Amino acid sequence: MNSSAETRTEIRALRRSLPAGLAQRNSAAIAHRLASSRIFEQSSNIAAYLGNDGEVGTEPLIQAIWAHGKDSYLPILRFAPEKRL
């Protein structure tokens, strides 16, 4: 059985191996689906994150949030020496 660190490394490698065009299309499709949802339409404040290290790009979603005049929020991460957030 793989350790958590090994599993994360494997998943990261798989994400990085996706063609750039596919990742961009997936990001746009996710943003469209979320922006078309009832909860998105009813919300005035929406939190997101910035994709990192091959994660899904959230820029299209953040642009949709702004285009609909909604307030957006991003987390602030503070790393302690114990590696806790």
C-alpha atoms as a PDB file:
ATOM      1  CA  MET A   1       0.000   0.000   0.000  1.00  0.00           C
ATOM      2  CA  ASN A   2       1.275   3.468  -0.883  1.00  0.00           C
ATOM      3  CA  SER A   3       1.916   6.115   1.710  1.00  0.00           C
ATOM      4  CA  SER A   4      -0.012   9.390   1.487  1.00  0.00           C
ATOM      5  CA  ALA A   5       3.114  11.140   0.197  1.00  0.00           C
ATOM      6  CA  GLU A   6       3.583   8.536  -2.541  1.00  0.00           C
ATOM      7  CA  THR A   7      -0.062   8.794  -3.556  1.00  0.00           C
ATOM      8  CA  ARG A   8       0.165  12.589  -3.763  1.00  0.00           C
ATOM      9  CA  THR A   9       3.321  12.297  -5.889  1.00  0.00           C
ATOM     10  CA  GLU A  10       1.611   9.875  -8.269  1.00  0.00           C
ATOM     11  CA  ILE A  11      -1.484  12.062  -8.611  1.00  0.00           C
ATOM     12  CA  ARG A  12       0.667  15.153  -9.186  1.00  0.00           C
ATOM     13  CA  ALA A  13       2.558  13.345 -11.964  1.00  0.00           C
ATOM     14  CA  LEU A  14      -0.730  12.321 -13.599  1.00  0.00           C
ATOM     15  CA  ARG A  15      -2.037  15.911 -13.458  1.00  0.00           C
ATOM     16  CA  ARG A  16       1.173  17.238 -14.973  1.00  0.00           C
ATOM     17  CA  SER A  17       0.956  14.711 -17.801  1.00  0.00           C
ATOM     18  CA  LEU A  18      -2.382  16.058 -19.069  1.00  0.00           C
ATOM     19  CA  PRO A  19      -2.143  18.048 -22.291  1.00  0.00           C
ATOM     20  CA  ALA A  20      -2.395  21.806 -21.647  1.00  0.00           C
ATOM     21  CA  GLY A  21      -5.370  22.173 -23.983  1.00  0.00           C
ATOM     22  CA  LEU A  22      -7.300  19.493 -22.122  1.00  0.00           C
ATOM     23  CA  ALA A  23      -6.648  21.134 -18.772  1.00  0.00           C
ATOM     24  CA  GLN A  24      -7.828  24.505 -20.111  1.00  0.00           C
ATOM     25  CA  ARG A  25     -10.994  22.977 -21.595  1.00  0.00           C
ATOM     26  CA  ASN A  26     -11.728  21.192 -18.320  1.00  0.00           C
ATOM     27  CA  SER A  27     -11.240  24.421 -16.361  1.00  0.00           C
ATOM     28  CA  ALA A  28     -13.625  26.276 -18.674  1.00  0.00           C
ATOM     29  CA  ALA A  29     -16.211  23.460 -18.489  1.00  0.00           C
ATOM     30  CA  ILE A  30     -16.082  23.405 -14.688  1.00  0.00           C
ATOM     31  CA  ALA A  31     -16.460  27.198 -14.532  1.00  0.00           C
ATOM     32  CA  HIS A  32     -19.426  27.097 -16.916  1.00  0.00           C
ATOM     33  CA  ARG A  33     -21.150  24.353 -14.959  1.00  0.00           C
ATOM     34  CA  LEU A  34     -20.643  26.102 -11.626  1.00  0.00           C
ATOM     35  CA  ALA A  35     -21.662  29.529 -12.979  1.00  0.00           C
ATOM     36  CA  SER A  36     -24.861  27.936 -14.330  1.00  0.00           C
ATOM     37  CA  SER A  37     -25.799  26.396 -10.994  1.00  0.00           C
ATOM     38  CA  ARG A  38     -28.597  27.640  -8.767  1.00  0.00           C
ATOM     39  CA  ILE A  39     -26.306  28.074  -5.776  1.00  0.00           C
ATOM     40  CA  PHE A  40     -23.949  30.268  -7.847  1.00  0.00           C
ATOM     41  CA  GLU A  41     -26.869  32.396  -9.044  1.00  0.00           C
ATOM     42  CA  GLN A  42     -28.162  32.816  -5.480  1.00  0.00           C
ATOM     43  CA  SER A  43     -24.774  33.606  -3.938  1.00  0.00           C
ATOM     44  CA  SER A  44     -23.266  37.052  -3.619  1.00  0.00           C
ATOM     45  CA  ASN A  45     -19.986  35.929  -1.972  1.00  0.00           C
ATOM     46  CA  ILE A  46     -17.959  33.041  -3.391  1.00  0.00           C
ATOM     47  CA  ALA A  47     -14.659  31.596  -2.185  1.00  0.00           C
ATOM     48  CA  ALA A  48     -12.212  29.950  -4.560  1.00  0.00           C
ATOM     49  CA  TYR A  49      -8.565  28.983  -4.655  1.00  0.00           C
ATOM     50  CA  LEU A  50      -5.791  29.419  -7.185  1.00  0.00           C
ATOM     51  CA  GLY A  51      -4.834  26.129  -8.792  1.00  0.00           C
ATOM     52  CA  ASN A  52      -1.273  25.042  -8.174  1.00  0.00           C
ATOM     53  CA  ASP A  53       1.036  22.347  -9.473  1.00  0.00           C
ATOM     54  CA  GLY A  54      -1.226  20.973 -12.182  1.00  0.00           C
ATOM     55  CA  GLU A  55      -4.496  21.397 -10.284  1.00  0.00           C
ATOM     56  CA  VAL A  56      -7.610  22.552 -12.119  1.00  0.00           C
ATOM     57  CA  GLY A  57      -7.249  26.174 -13.144  1.00  0.00           C
ATOM     58  CA  THR A  58      -9.796  28.369 -11.402  1.00  0.00           C
ATOM     59  CA  GLU A  59      -9.158  31.546 -13.383  1.00  0.00           C
ATOM     60  CA  PRO A  60     -12.250  31.024 -15.622  1.00  0.00           C
ATOM     61  CA  LEU A  61     -14.404  30.558 -12.522  1.00  0.00           C
ATOM     62  CA  ILE A  62     -12.985  33.668 -10.852  1.00  0.00           C
ATOM     63  CA  GLN A  63     -13.630  35.646 -14.048  1.00  0.00           C
ATOM     64  CA  ALA A  64     -17.243  34.384 -14.036  1.00  0.00           C
ATOM     65  CA  ILE A  65     -17.598  35.448 -10.396  1.00  0.00           C
ATOM     66  CA  TRP A  66     -16.439  38.951 -11.287  1.00  0.00           C
ATOM     67  CA  ALA A  67     -18.505  39.094 -14.488  1.00  0.00           C
ATOM     68  CA  HIS A  68     -21.630  38.414 -12.423  1.00  0.00           C
ATOM     69  CA  GLY A  69     -20.733  41.175  -9.959  1.00  0.00           C
ATOM     70  CA  LYS A  70     -20.141  38.815  -7.055  1.00  0.00           C
ATOM     71  CA  ASP A  71     -17.532  39.203  -4.349  1.00  0.00           C
ATOM     72  CA  SER A  72     -14.707  36.672  -4.452  1.00  0.00           C
ATOM     73  CA  TYR A  73     -12.455  35.449  -1.679  1.00  0.00           C
ATOM     74  CA  LEU A  74      -9.190  33.547  -1.694  1.00  0.00           C
ATOM     75  CA  PRO A  75      -7.709  31.752   1.312  1.00  0.00           C
ATOM     76  CA  ILE A  76      -4.593  33.026   2.996  1.00  0.00           C
ATOM     77  CA  LEU A  77      -2.382  30.158   4.077  1.00  0.00           C
ATOM     78  CA  ARG A  78       0.100  30.580   6.874  1.00  0.00           C
ATOM     79  CA  PHE A  79       2.517  27.740   7.318  1.00  0.00           C
ATOM     80  CA  ALA A  80       3.783  26.998  10.786  1.00  0.00           C
ATOM     81  CA  PRO A  81       6.982  25.044  11.426  1.00  0.00           C
ATOM     82  CA  GLU A  82       4.753  22.059  12.308  1.00  0.00           C
ATOM     83  CA  LYS A  83       3.332  22.184   8.738  1.00  0.00           C
ATOM     84  CA  ARG A  84      -0.160  23.018   9.918  1.00  0.00           C
ATOM     85  CA  LEU A  85      -2.347  25.586   8.185  1.00  0.00           C
END
